[in-house]
Amino acid sequence: MAQARGAEYGQRSGASSPFLKEGASAPELRWSVVCLERFFRRRRTMPALSQVQDYLRQLAREHHAAVPCPPLCTAFFHISDADAESNYAIPDPSAGASPSSHDLQASLRTLRAECAHRNRPPRLQFIEDLFVDLPSLLRSTGWAEEERSPLMIWTSARARLAPPVPGLSIATLSADSTLDEICEGLDTNTAGFGLSIPPASAEEAEGFRQGLIRSRAFTAHLGPQPVGAGMFTPISDEGVTELVGITTLAPFRRRGIAASLTAHMTDQALAHGAKTVFLTAANEPAGRVYERVGFQFEATKVVYMPDAG
């Protein structure tokens, strides 16, 4: 839609423009402004979205075995985690916005075979706005959309201070933190997402701590009570990082803790050299929290799998 509107805008000007036609009503003029804003904002954000998609490929390679599925995608199989969410394919940059049906089917055949060999479900995830024709092609080959999540990018123009939360403090976890501090952060994150798993072991905490070289984790406290957690992932050489695992314990929600934690993590990421900070909102209410501290909806991250029906 944005490309079509952009083409029209490039071909016409003056009174003949569909955006600025002579005698337009007030609602039509307002809609014209909205269209223009969307068009130019998309042009500004496309490079950032490409950086984010490149970063997600780079991050996947750190903990996954990368298996090419030519000509369009690469599969990433987690070294130790067989869960569906930890094993997926990402379109290659060469796939472009409009891959051919023939090339897609060739890649999907290879992907299915590689997944079957490892007993993992086929799964393809990508930023929809960068591969605009891929969803319809996938649906035509029997794949279905499984997930759809708003992708948000922080911008200084929209940054706002989070309202202060009385008594709130936020501890930074790094490679220098104690194992007790790491365990507390991991357990807080687990509890915040309602997961029924045992407390973090010293071995798990040590493994997590070793990964906090180019990233940082955070535990929010009200007095001595841990109430929230989150982290930013390793900052790339290009200055890209993702905020992940943002959660607040159920009894302490709706107090502004998530907004304060998100703002603090963003500030710390920027202080450590990040230039592009992004996150994926789990739902619309969560997105509104992130909007309040400077994040803006820029794209949609989607997951496709073979249609079970």
Protein backbone atom coordinates (compact mmCIF):
# COMPACT_ATOMS: atom_id res chain seq x y z
CA MET A 1 0.00 0.00 0.00
CA ALA A 2 2.77 2.44 0.91
CA GLN A 3 4.64 1.61 -2.31
CA ALA A 4 1.51 2.22 -4.42
CA ARG A 5 0.82 5.53 -2.74
CA GLY A 6 4.45 6.48 -3.14
CA ALA A 7 4.33 5.73 -6.86
CA GLU A 8 1.27 7.92 -7.28
CA TYR A 9 2.93 10.71 -5.33
CA GLY A 10 6.03 10.52 -7.51
CA GLN A 11 4.02 10.67 -10.74
CA ARG A 12 1.73 13.55 -9.91
CA SER A 13 1.96 16.96 -8.34
CA GLY A 14 -0.06 20.09 -7.77
CA ALA A 15 -3.84 20.10 -8.06
CA SER A 16 -3.90 16.70 -9.79
CA SER A 17 -2.33 14.96 -6.81
CA PRO A 18 -4.71 12.48 -5.11
CA PHE A 19 -3.33 13.78 -1.81
CA LEU A 20 -3.78 17.49 -2.42
CA LYS A 21 -6.63 17.83 -4.90
CA GLU A 22 -8.28 21.20 -5.34
CA GLY A 23 -11.42 21.72 -3.27
CA ALA A 24 -10.71 18.78 -0.96
CA SER A 25 -12.78 18.62 2.20
CA ALA A 26 -11.23 18.87 5.66
CA PRO A 27 -11.41 15.07 6.24
CA GLU A 28 -9.81 14.47 2.82
CA LEU A 29 -7.02 16.89 3.62
CA ARG A 30 -6.40 15.24 6.98
CA TRP A 31 -6.24 11.85 5.28
CA SER A 32 -3.81 13.26 2.71
CA VAL A 33 -1.52 14.42 5.50
CA VAL A 34 -1.72 10.99 7.15
CA CYS A 35 -0.82 9.28 3.85
CA LEU A 36 2.13 11.58 3.26
CA GLU A 37 3.39 11.13 6.81
CA ARG A 38 3.19 7.35 6.48
CA PHE A 39 4.93 7.40 3.11
CA PHE A 40 7.87 9.54 4.22
CA ARG A 41 8.17 7.80 7.60
CA ARG A 42 8.37 4.45 5.81
CA ARG A 43 11.14 5.79 3.59
CA ARG A 44 13.04 6.91 6.69
CA THR A 45 12.54 3.67 8.60
CA MET A 46 13.24 1.08 5.88
CA PRO A 47 17.04 1.27 6.40
CA ALA A 48 16.53 0.78 10.14
CA LEU A 49 14.24 -2.20 9.52
CA SER A 50 16.87 -3.77 7.26
CA GLN A 51 19.41 -3.28 10.04
CA VAL A 52 17.08 -4.96 12.52
CA GLN A 53 16.50 -7.95 10.22
CA ASP A 54 20.26 -8.27 9.63
CA TYR A 55 20.79 -8.14 13.38
CA LEU A 56 18.27 -10.93 13.98
CA ARG A 57 20.17 -13.10 11.48
CA GLN A 58 23.47 -12.26 13.18
CA LEU A 59 22.09 -13.00 16.65
CA ALA A 60 20.66 -16.33 15.49
CA ARG A 61 24.09 -17.45 14.28
CA GLU A 62 25.55 -17.06 17.78
CA HIS A 63 23.47 -19.86 19.31
CA HIS A 64 22.28 -21.84 16.31
CA ALA A 65 23.64 -24.01 13.55
CA ALA A 66 23.00 -22.13 10.30
CA VAL A 67 21.85 -24.36 7.44
CA PRO A 68 21.35 -22.77 3.99
CA CYS A 69 18.04 -23.54 2.27
CA PRO A 70 18.76 -22.02 -1.16
CA PRO A 71 17.91 -19.93 -2.92
CA LEU A 72 15.86 -17.83 -0.48
CA CYS A 73 16.41 -18.60 3.20
CA THR A 74 18.64 -19.98 5.95
CA ALA A 75 17.46 -22.28 8.74
CA PHE A 76 18.74 -21.78 12.28
CA PHE A 77 18.67 -24.83 14.54
CA HIS A 78 19.33 -24.24 18.23
CA ILE A 79 22.23 -26.24 19.60
CA SER A 80 20.32 -27.58 22.62
CA ASP A 81 16.71 -26.31 22.57
CA ALA A 82 14.24 -28.26 20.43
CA ASP A 83 11.28 -25.93 21.10
CA ALA A 84 9.60 -24.58 17.98
CA GLU A 85 10.26 -20.96 18.94
CA SER A 86 14.01 -21.62 19.16
CA ASN A 87 14.27 -23.15 15.68
CA TYR A 88 13.32 -21.21 12.59
CA ALA A 89 14.33 -19.97 9.17
CA ILE A 90 14.85 -16.36 8.07
CA PRO A 91 14.71 -15.12 4.46
CA ASP A 92 18.11 -14.15 3.09
CA PRO A 93 18.73 -10.54 2.04
CA SER A 94 18.93 -11.76 -1.56
CA ALA A 95 15.30 -12.96 -1.37
CA GLY A 96 14.11 -9.41 -1.97
CA ALA A 97 10.61 -8.08 -1.49
CA SER A 98 9.11 -10.17 -4.33
CA PRO A 99 10.66 -13.66 -4.62
CA SER A 100 9.42 -16.02 -7.30
CA SER A 101 7.06 -18.85 -6.45
CA HIS A 102 9.51 -21.35 -7.98
CA ASP A 103 12.39 -20.19 -5.78
CA LEU A 104 10.20 -20.15 -2.68
CA GLN A 105 8.99 -23.70 -3.21
CA ALA A 106 12.58 -24.88 -3.70
CA SER A 107 13.64 -23.29 -0.42
CA LEU A 108 10.62 -24.66 1.45
CA ARG A 109 11.31 -28.20 0.23
CA THR A 110 14.86 -27.98 1.56
CA LEU A 111 13.67 -26.41 4.81
CA ARG A 112 11.11 -29.18 5.38
CA ALA A 113 13.75 -31.85 4.73
CA GLU A 114 16.28 -30.25 7.10
CA CYS A 115 13.63 -29.88 9.82
CA ALA A 116 12.43 -33.47 9.40
CA HIS A 117 16.02 -34.70 9.68
CA ARG A 118 16.33 -32.92 13.05
CA ASN A 119 12.77 -33.59 14.21
CA ARG A 120 12.00 -29.86 14.34
CA PRO A 121 8.85 -28.19 12.96
CA PRO A 122 9.31 -25.98 9.85
CA ARG A 123 8.99 -22.34 10.83
CA LEU A 124 9.75 -19.15 8.91
CA GLN A 125 9.90 -15.76 10.63
CA PHE A 126 10.65 -12.32 9.21
CA ILE A 127 9.80 -8.63 9.19
CA GLU A 128 6.77 -8.51 6.92
CA ASP A 129 7.43 -4.96 5.70
CA LEU A 130 10.73 -6.03 4.10
CA PHE A 131 9.24 -8.99 2.20
CA VAL A 132 5.89 -7.61 1.13
CA ASP A 133 4.95 -10.37 -1.34
CA LEU A 134 6.21 -13.30 0.72
CA PRO A 135 3.11 -13.77 2.94
CA SER A 136 0.73 -14.26 0.00
CA LEU A 137 3.19 -16.65 -1.66
CA LEU A 138 3.49 -18.66 1.54
CA ARG A 139 -0.29 -18.89 1.87
CA SER A 140 -0.55 -20.08 -1.72
CA THR A 141 1.84 -22.95 -0.94
CA GLY A 142 -0.08 -24.16 2.11
CA TRP A 143 1.61 -22.19 4.88
CA ALA A 144 -0.34 -20.17 7.43
CA GLU A 145 0.41 -17.21 9.65
CA GLU A 146 0.99 -18.38 13.24
CA GLU A 147 2.08 -15.18 14.96
CA ARG A 148 1.90 -11.47 14.29
CA SER A 149 3.76 -9.05 16.58
CA PRO A 150 4.27 -5.28 16.38
CA LEU A 151 7.92 -4.29 16.06
CA MET A 152 8.78 -0.99 17.73
CA ILE A 153 11.89 1.19 17.45
CA TRP A 154 12.98 3.82 19.95
CA THR A 155 13.34 7.36 18.63
CA SER A 156 14.74 10.33 20.50
CA ALA A 157 12.04 12.58 19.04
CA ARG A 158 9.38 10.64 20.94
CA ALA A 159 11.37 9.93 24.09
CA ARG A 160 9.66 10.80 27.35
CA LEU A 161 10.69 10.43 30.97
CA ALA A 162 8.84 7.62 32.69
CA PRO A 163 6.79 8.82 35.67
CA PRO A 164 8.74 8.11 38.88
CA VAL A 165 7.72 5.05 40.88
CA PRO A 166 8.27 5.64 44.61
CA GLY A 167 10.75 3.19 46.09
CA LEU A 168 11.74 1.65 42.75
CA SER A 169 15.39 0.78 42.12
CA ILE A 170 16.88 -1.06 39.15
CA ALA A 171 19.98 -3.25 39.47
CA THR A 172 22.20 -3.89 36.45
CA LEU A 173 23.45 -7.44 35.93
CA SER A 174 26.74 -7.93 34.11
CA ALA A 175 29.58 -10.42 33.89
CA ASP A 176 30.76 -9.00 37.24
CA SER A 177 27.51 -9.73 39.10
CA THR A 178 27.32 -12.47 41.73
CA LEU A 179 25.59 -15.75 40.99
CA ASP A 180 22.98 -14.91 43.62
CA GLU A 181 22.16 -11.67 41.77
CA ILE A 182 21.97 -13.54 38.47
CA CYS A 183 19.71 -16.23 39.96
CA GLU A 184 17.41 -13.58 41.40
CA GLY A 185 17.08 -11.91 38.00
CA LEU A 186 16.43 -15.19 36.18
CA ASP A 187 13.86 -16.30 38.74
CA THR A 188 12.11 -12.92 38.61
CA ASN A 189 11.88 -13.18 34.84
CA THR A 190 10.51 -16.71 35.08
CA ALA A 191 7.90 -15.69 37.65
CA GLY A 192 6.88 -12.64 35.64
CA PHE A 193 6.00 -14.80 32.65
CA GLY A 194 4.20 -17.34 34.83
CA LEU A 195 6.48 -20.23 33.92
CA SER A 196 6.37 -23.30 36.15
CA ILE A 197 10.02 -24.29 36.15
CA PRO A 198 12.49 -24.84 39.00
CA PRO A 199 14.62 -21.93 40.27
CA ALA A 200 17.77 -21.18 38.30
CA SER A 201 20.72 -23.39 39.23
CA ALA A 202 24.24 -22.10 39.79
CA GLU A 203 25.23 -23.72 36.50
CA GLU A 204 22.45 -21.95 34.60
CA ALA A 205 23.31 -18.66 36.27
CA GLU A 206 26.97 -19.02 35.35
CA GLY A 207 26.09 -19.74 31.73
CA PHE A 208 23.85 -16.68 31.61
CA ARG A 209 26.47 -14.50 33.31
CA GLN A 210 29.08 -15.43 30.72
CA GLY A 211 26.78 -14.02 28.05
CA LEU A 212 26.61 -10.59 29.70
CA ILE A 213 29.70 -9.22 27.98
CA ARG A 214 28.03 -7.13 25.27
CA SER A 215 24.58 -7.21 26.86
CA ARG A 216 23.08 -6.35 30.23
CA ALA A 217 20.19 -7.70 32.30
CA PHE A 218 18.19 -5.76 34.86
CA THR A 219 16.19 -6.54 37.99
CA ALA A 220 13.72 -3.98 39.34
CA HIS A 221 13.10 -3.85 43.10
CA LEU A 222 10.63 -2.20 45.43
CA GLY A 223 12.69 -2.19 48.59
CA PRO A 224 14.18 -5.68 48.89
CA GLN A 225 11.40 -7.23 46.78
CA PRO A 226 12.27 -8.05 43.14
CA VAL A 227 9.31 -6.95 41.01
CA GLY A 228 10.44 -6.94 37.38
CA ALA A 229 13.17 -7.93 34.95
CA GLY A 230 14.41 -7.52 31.40
CA MET A 231 17.57 -7.21 29.33
CA PHE A 232 19.10 -5.83 26.17
CA THR A 233 20.80 -8.26 23.80
CA PRO A 234 24.44 -7.95 22.63
CA ILE A 235 24.99 -4.63 20.87
CA SER A 236 26.21 -5.21 17.32
CA ASP A 237 29.07 -3.37 15.65
CA GLU A 238 26.39 -1.36 13.86
CA GLY A 239 24.88 -0.35 17.20
CA VAL A 240 21.71 -2.48 17.10
CA THR A 241 20.18 -4.16 20.16
CA GLU A 242 16.83 -5.62 21.21
CA LEU A 243 15.04 -5.26 24.53
CA VAL A 244 13.71 -8.68 25.54
CA GLY A 245 12.11 -10.45 28.48
CA ILE A 246 10.45 -7.31 29.88
CA THR A 247 8.12 -8.42 32.65
CA THR A 248 6.60 -7.35 35.96
CA LEU A 249 5.39 -9.71 38.68
CA ALA A 250 1.60 -9.93 38.67
CA PRO A 251 0.98 -8.30 42.10
CA PHE A 252 2.99 -5.23 41.05
CA ARG A 253 1.54 -4.50 37.61
CA ARG A 254 -0.15 -1.24 36.57
CA ARG A 255 2.17 0.83 38.75
CA GLY A 256 4.46 2.16 36.01
CA ILE A 257 7.24 -0.35 36.71
CA ALA A 258 7.39 -1.70 33.14
CA ALA A 259 7.65 1.81 31.68
CA SER A 260 10.41 2.78 34.13
CA LEU A 261 12.29 -0.45 33.49
CA THR A 262 12.01 -0.09 29.71
CA ALA A 263 13.19 3.53 29.80
CA HIS A 264 16.12 2.61 32.05
CA MET A 265 17.20 -0.29 29.85
CA THR A 266 17.01 1.92 26.77
CA ASP A 267 19.14 4.60 28.44
CA GLN A 268 21.71 2.00 29.43
CA ALA A 269 21.80 0.50 25.94
CA LEU A 270 22.39 3.95 24.44
CA ALA A 271 25.12 4.61 27.03
CA HIS A 272 26.81 1.37 25.96
CA GLY A 273 26.89 2.43 22.31
CA ALA A 274 23.53 1.39 20.89
CA LYS A 275 22.11 3.49 18.06
CA THR A 276 19.05 1.43 17.17
CA VAL A 277 17.03 -0.03 20.06
CA PHE A 278 14.00 -2.13 19.16
CA LEU A 279 11.56 -4.52 20.78
CA THR A 280 8.59 -6.68 19.93
CA ALA A 281 5.38 -5.90 21.79
CA ALA A 282 3.45 -8.93 23.02
CA ASN A 283 0.12 -7.13 22.67
CA GLU A 284 -1.46 -3.71 22.21
CA PRO A 285 -1.52 -2.75 25.93
CA ALA A 286 2.18 -3.55 26.19
CA GLY A 287 2.81 -1.47 23.08
CA ARG A 288 1.13 1.52 24.68
CA VAL A 289 3.49 1.22 27.67
CA TYR A 290 6.50 1.29 25.35
CA GLU A 291 5.08 4.19 23.36
CA ARG A 292 5.09 6.29 26.50
CA VAL A 293 8.89 6.09 26.76
CA GLY A 294 9.77 6.74 23.12
CA PHE A 295 9.10 3.56 21.12
CA GLN A 296 7.08 3.75 17.92
CA PHE A 297 5.33 1.06 15.89
CA GLU A 298 7.38 0.68 12.72
CA ALA A 299 6.72 -2.79 11.30
CA THR A 300 5.25 -6.23 11.90
CA LYS A 301 7.18 -9.38 12.68
CA VAL A 302 5.41 -12.53 11.46
CA VAL A 303 5.82 -16.28 11.83
CA TYR A 304 4.61 -18.77 9.21
CA MET A 305 4.32 -22.55 9.51
CA PRO A 306 2.76 -25.24 7.30
CA ASP A 307 -1.01 -25.19 7.69
CA ALA A 308 -1.98 -28.11 9.93
CA GLY A 309 -5.33 -28.30 8.19
